[in-house]
């Protein structure tokens, strides 16, 4: 069974050299209104003080691509969309064209872009039951402790997998910027029935790599399950 992607969203942070983004032009009310109209944002907020500039647009869209949030600060653009990386890049290019238009210096035509980092999350139906993520010894331990976890009244206790995340750390090849640790999550989707095998997956990647990771995860865990079945069969034969 191949992974069934129920919903997917992608976010990216584009990190630029200082003075690349046309911040002065984004202070102009007419340009802010034009940006708000371009992406049909429900709200646009600007925070400006002596040390920080931040422009935030929320709940917009472009050609039926939902845009939960756009944030522009002095050195970065943070953009999130509901869809795939191709949709995100389409929205980014529209934004870049807008920034070129409002800037007499046209700095975003050839921007000094240091790096781009991604995050993709999806709700995905797989063929793998949650209990395959752990050894039978660990699952046996949890099952054996249900009486210890039970409240003192007549209630019963059931132990189910909830959150399962890992930290991905990086060694940067640049002395100009560093990459902060990111989260990798593969866990049951909150509110989903256990028998449905619906997962919430979060990866620090674009949607193409996200899809590959999930497919390889399903393949690896399916093979692990098949090996367990073969092993049990051999024991019975003996």
Protein backbone atom coordinates (compact mmCIF):
# COMPACT_ATOMS: atom_id res chain seq x y z
CA UNK A 1 0.00 0.00 0.00
CA UNK A 2 1.35 3.42 -0.92
CA UNK A 3 1.09 6.41 1.39
CA UNK A 4 -2.17 8.33 1.11
CA UNK A 5 -1.47 12.03 1.69
CA UNK A 6 -4.66 13.50 3.12
CA UNK A 7 -3.33 17.02 3.66
CA UNK A 8 0.05 18.71 3.22
CA UNK A 9 1.53 22.12 3.98
CA UNK A 10 4.98 23.56 3.34
CA UNK A 11 6.86 26.45 4.92
CA UNK A 12 10.15 28.03 3.87
CA UNK A 13 12.54 30.59 5.32
CA UNK A 14 14.57 32.49 2.76
CA UNK A 15 17.60 34.02 4.47
CA UNK A 16 19.17 37.04 2.77
CA UNK A 17 22.22 39.23 3.26
CA UNK A 18 21.46 42.50 5.08
CA UNK A 19 20.01 45.30 2.92
CA UNK A 20 18.75 42.88 0.26
CA UNK A 21 15.05 43.27 1.01
CA UNK A 22 13.44 46.65 0.15
CA UNK A 23 12.33 47.46 3.70
CA UNK A 24 11.99 51.22 3.12
CA UNK A 25 9.55 50.61 0.30
CA UNK A 26 7.57 48.19 2.45
CA UNK A 27 7.03 50.98 4.97
CA UNK A 28 4.87 52.80 2.44
CA UNK A 29 1.17 52.35 3.09
CA UNK A 30 0.34 52.05 -0.63
CA UNK A 31 2.77 49.14 -1.05
CA UNK A 32 1.46 47.38 2.06
CA UNK A 33 -2.08 47.69 0.73
CA UNK A 34 -0.98 46.41 -2.68
CA UNK A 35 0.64 43.36 -1.06
CA UNK A 36 -2.47 42.74 1.01
CA UNK A 37 -4.59 42.85 -2.15
CA UNK A 38 -2.18 40.67 -4.16
CA UNK A 39 -2.54 37.76 -1.75
CA UNK A 40 -6.03 38.56 -0.43
CA UNK A 41 -4.78 38.59 3.16
CA UNK A 42 -7.44 38.87 5.84
CA UNK A 43 -5.03 40.90 7.92
CA UNK A 44 -1.72 42.75 7.58
CA UNK A 45 0.24 43.87 10.61
CA UNK A 46 3.45 45.86 10.80
CA UNK A 47 5.77 46.16 13.75
CA UNK A 48 8.44 48.84 13.50
CA UNK A 49 10.84 50.17 16.11
CA UNK A 50 14.44 51.33 16.14
CA UNK A 51 15.77 47.77 16.06
CA UNK A 52 13.24 45.67 14.22
CA UNK A 53 10.94 45.67 11.21
CA UNK A 54 8.34 42.97 10.70
CA UNK A 55 5.47 42.77 8.25
CA UNK A 56 3.00 39.92 8.75
CA UNK A 57 0.16 38.87 6.48
CA UNK A 58 -2.29 36.18 7.55
CA UNK A 59 -4.88 33.89 5.97
CA UNK A 60 -4.49 34.76 2.30
CA UNK A 61 -4.45 32.95 -1.02
CA UNK A 62 -3.11 33.10 -4.55
CA UNK A 63 -4.74 31.27 -7.45
CA UNK A 64 -6.47 28.89 -5.00
CA UNK A 65 -3.26 28.24 -3.05
CA UNK A 66 -4.02 28.96 0.64
CA UNK A 67 -1.36 31.09 2.37
CA UNK A 68 -1.67 30.80 6.18
CA UNK A 69 1.14 33.29 6.82
CA UNK A 70 3.77 35.52 5.26
CA UNK A 71 6.36 37.27 7.43
CA UNK A 72 9.01 39.67 6.15
CA UNK A 73 11.76 40.93 8.46
CA UNK A 74 15.09 42.69 7.74
CA UNK A 75 16.91 39.54 6.60
CA UNK A 76 14.32 36.91 5.78
CA UNK A 77 11.04 35.97 4.18
CA UNK A 78 9.02 33.29 5.98
CA UNK A 79 6.27 31.86 3.82
CA UNK A 80 3.83 29.01 4.46
CA UNK A 81 1.25 27.52 2.11
CA UNK A 82 -1.13 24.58 2.10
CA UNK A 83 0.03 22.42 -0.78
CA UNK A 84 3.33 21.20 -2.20
CA UNK A 85 6.72 22.85 -2.68
CA UNK A 86 5.84 23.74 -6.27
CA UNK A 87 2.91 25.80 -4.95
CA UNK A 88 5.18 27.50 -2.43
CA UNK A 89 7.76 28.40 -5.08
CA UNK A 90 5.00 29.81 -7.29
CA UNK A 91 3.82 32.11 -4.50
CA UNK A 92 7.40 33.09 -3.65
CA UNK A 93 8.13 34.07 -7.25
CA UNK A 94 5.00 36.23 -7.32
CA UNK A 95 6.16 37.89 -4.10
CA UNK A 96 9.66 38.39 -5.49
CA UNK A 97 8.25 40.05 -8.61
CA UNK A 98 6.23 42.38 -6.38
CA UNK A 99 9.32 43.33 -4.37
CA UNK A 100 11.20 44.04 -7.60
CA UNK A 101 8.42 46.34 -8.81
CA UNK A 102 8.35 48.47 -5.67
CA UNK A 103 12.13 48.81 -5.41
CA UNK A 104 13.91 51.30 -7.72
CA UNK A 105 17.18 49.40 -7.10
CA UNK A 106 15.60 46.08 -8.17
CA UNK A 107 17.64 44.21 -5.58
CA UNK A 108 15.40 41.13 -5.65
CA UNK A 109 16.19 40.51 -9.31
CA UNK A 110 19.49 38.95 -8.22
CA UNK A 111 19.10 38.70 -4.45
CA UNK A 112 21.96 37.80 -2.13
CA UNK A 113 20.26 34.69 -0.80
CA UNK A 114 22.31 32.84 1.80
CA UNK A 115 20.14 29.76 2.19
CA UNK A 116 16.58 28.44 2.18
CA UNK A 117 15.26 26.05 4.81
CA UNK A 118 12.01 24.12 4.58
CA UNK A 119 9.47 22.42 6.77
CA UNK A 120 6.73 20.14 5.50
CA UNK A 121 3.93 18.60 7.49
CA UNK A 122 1.27 16.18 6.38
CA UNK A 123 -1.57 14.01 7.56
CA UNK A 124 -0.90 10.65 5.93
CA UNK A 125 -2.64 7.29 5.97
CA UNK A 126 -0.18 4.39 5.99
CA UNK A 127 -0.41 0.62 6.11
CA UNK A 128 1.62 0.47 9.34
CA UNK A 129 -0.05 0.03 12.75
CA UNK A 130 1.31 2.30 15.45
CA UNK A 131 2.58 -0.56 17.61
CA UNK A 132 5.08 -1.54 14.91
CA UNK A 133 7.17 1.52 15.85
CA UNK A 134 8.29 -0.21 19.06
CA UNK A 135 9.70 -3.55 20.08
CA UNK A 136 7.35 -6.22 21.40
CA UNK A 137 9.30 -6.12 24.69
CA UNK A 138 8.56 -2.43 25.17
CA UNK A 139 4.91 -2.86 24.22
CA UNK A 140 4.68 -5.80 26.62
CA UNK A 141 6.09 -3.62 29.39
CA UNK A 142 3.50 -0.89 28.76
CA UNK A 143 0.69 -3.44 28.73
CA UNK A 144 1.91 -4.97 31.99
CA UNK A 145 1.90 -1.57 33.73
CA UNK A 146 -1.74 -0.69 33.03
CA UNK A 147 -2.78 -1.75 36.52
CA UNK A 148 -0.13 0.56 38.03
CA UNK A 149 -1.42 3.46 35.92
CA UNK A 150 -5.08 2.84 36.74
CA UNK A 151 -6.80 5.44 38.95
CA UNK A 152 -7.82 4.32 42.42
CA UNK A 153 -11.50 4.34 41.52
CA UNK A 154 -13.10 1.80 39.19
CA UNK A 155 -11.70 3.36 35.98
CA UNK A 156 -9.35 1.48 33.65
CA UNK A 157 -6.18 2.80 31.99
CA UNK A 158 -5.13 2.31 28.37
CA UNK A 159 -1.67 3.25 27.07
CA UNK A 160 -1.55 4.59 23.50
CA UNK A 161 1.20 6.15 21.40
CA UNK A 162 0.91 9.93 21.32
CA UNK A 163 3.93 12.14 20.58
CA UNK A 164 7.06 10.84 18.88
CA UNK A 165 9.63 13.41 17.76
CA UNK A 166 13.35 13.60 17.10
CA UNK A 167 15.78 16.49 16.80
CA UNK A 168 17.80 17.00 13.63
CA UNK A 169 20.99 19.03 14.15
CA UNK A 170 23.20 20.57 11.48
CA UNK A 171 26.79 21.59 10.95
CA UNK A 172 26.81 24.74 8.83
CA UNK A 173 29.32 25.14 6.01
CA UNK A 174 29.18 28.93 6.40
CA UNK A 175 30.57 31.30 9.01
CA UNK A 176 27.92 33.88 8.10
CA UNK A 177 24.90 32.00 9.45
CA UNK A 178 24.10 28.87 11.43
CA UNK A 179 21.24 26.39 11.15
CA UNK A 180 19.13 25.80 14.22
CA UNK A 181 18.06 22.25 15.15
CA UNK A 182 14.83 21.11 13.51
CA UNK A 183 12.16 18.64 14.51
CA UNK A 184 11.35 15.34 12.79
CA UNK A 185 7.99 13.94 13.92
CA UNK A 186 6.21 10.71 13.00
CA UNK A 187 3.27 10.09 15.30
CA UNK A 188 -0.43 9.18 15.35
CA UNK A 189 -2.69 11.95 14.10
CA UNK A 190 -4.53 13.42 17.07
CA UNK A 191 -8.19 12.48 17.02
CA UNK A 192 -7.82 9.68 14.48
CA UNK A 193 -9.01 6.14 15.16
CA UNK A 194 -6.15 3.77 15.98
CA UNK A 195 -7.26 1.24 13.37
CA UNK A 196 -7.07 3.87 10.61
CA UNK A 197 -3.23 4.16 10.84
CA UNK A 198 -3.32 7.91 10.18
CA UNK A 199 -0.07 9.68 11.00
CA UNK A 200 1.04 13.26 11.51
CA UNK A 201 4.48 13.70 9.92
CA UNK A 202 6.70 16.77 10.19
CA UNK A 203 10.06 16.96 8.41
CA UNK A 204 12.62 19.77 7.98
CA UNK A 205 12.47 19.29 4.20
CA UNK A 206 10.58 20.34 1.10
CA UNK A 207 7.54 18.29 0.07
CA UNK A 208 9.45 16.08 -2.39
CA UNK A 209 11.91 14.90 0.28
CA UNK A 210 9.02 14.65 2.77
CA UNK A 211 7.21 12.25 0.44
CA UNK A 212 10.35 10.13 -0.04
CA UNK A 213 10.96 9.93 3.72
CA UNK A 214 7.41 8.75 4.37
CA UNK A 215 7.49 6.17 1.56
CA UNK A 216 10.84 4.81 2.75
CA UNK A 217 9.56 4.76 6.34
CA UNK A 218 6.51 2.75 5.30
CA UNK A 219 8.67 0.35 3.27
CA UNK A 220 11.17 -0.15 6.11
CA UNK A 221 8.49 -0.74 8.72
CA UNK A 222 6.51 -3.04 6.42
CA UNK A 223 9.63 -5.15 5.84
CA UNK A 224 10.22 -5.23 9.58
CA UNK A 225 6.72 -6.55 10.08
CA UNK A 226 7.14 -9.18 7.40
CA UNK A 227 10.43 -10.32 8.97
CA UNK A 228 8.69 -10.67 12.33
CA UNK A 229 5.98 -12.84 10.75
CA UNK A 230 8.59 -15.02 9.03
CA UNK A 231 10.52 -15.38 12.28
CA UNK A 232 7.39 -16.45 14.19
CA UNK A 233 6.52 -18.93 11.44
CA UNK A 234 9.99 -20.52 11.63
CA UNK A 235 9.69 -20.87 15.40
CA UNK A 236 6.34 -22.65 15.04
CA UNK A 237 7.79 -25.01 12.40
CA UNK A 238 10.67 -25.93 14.68
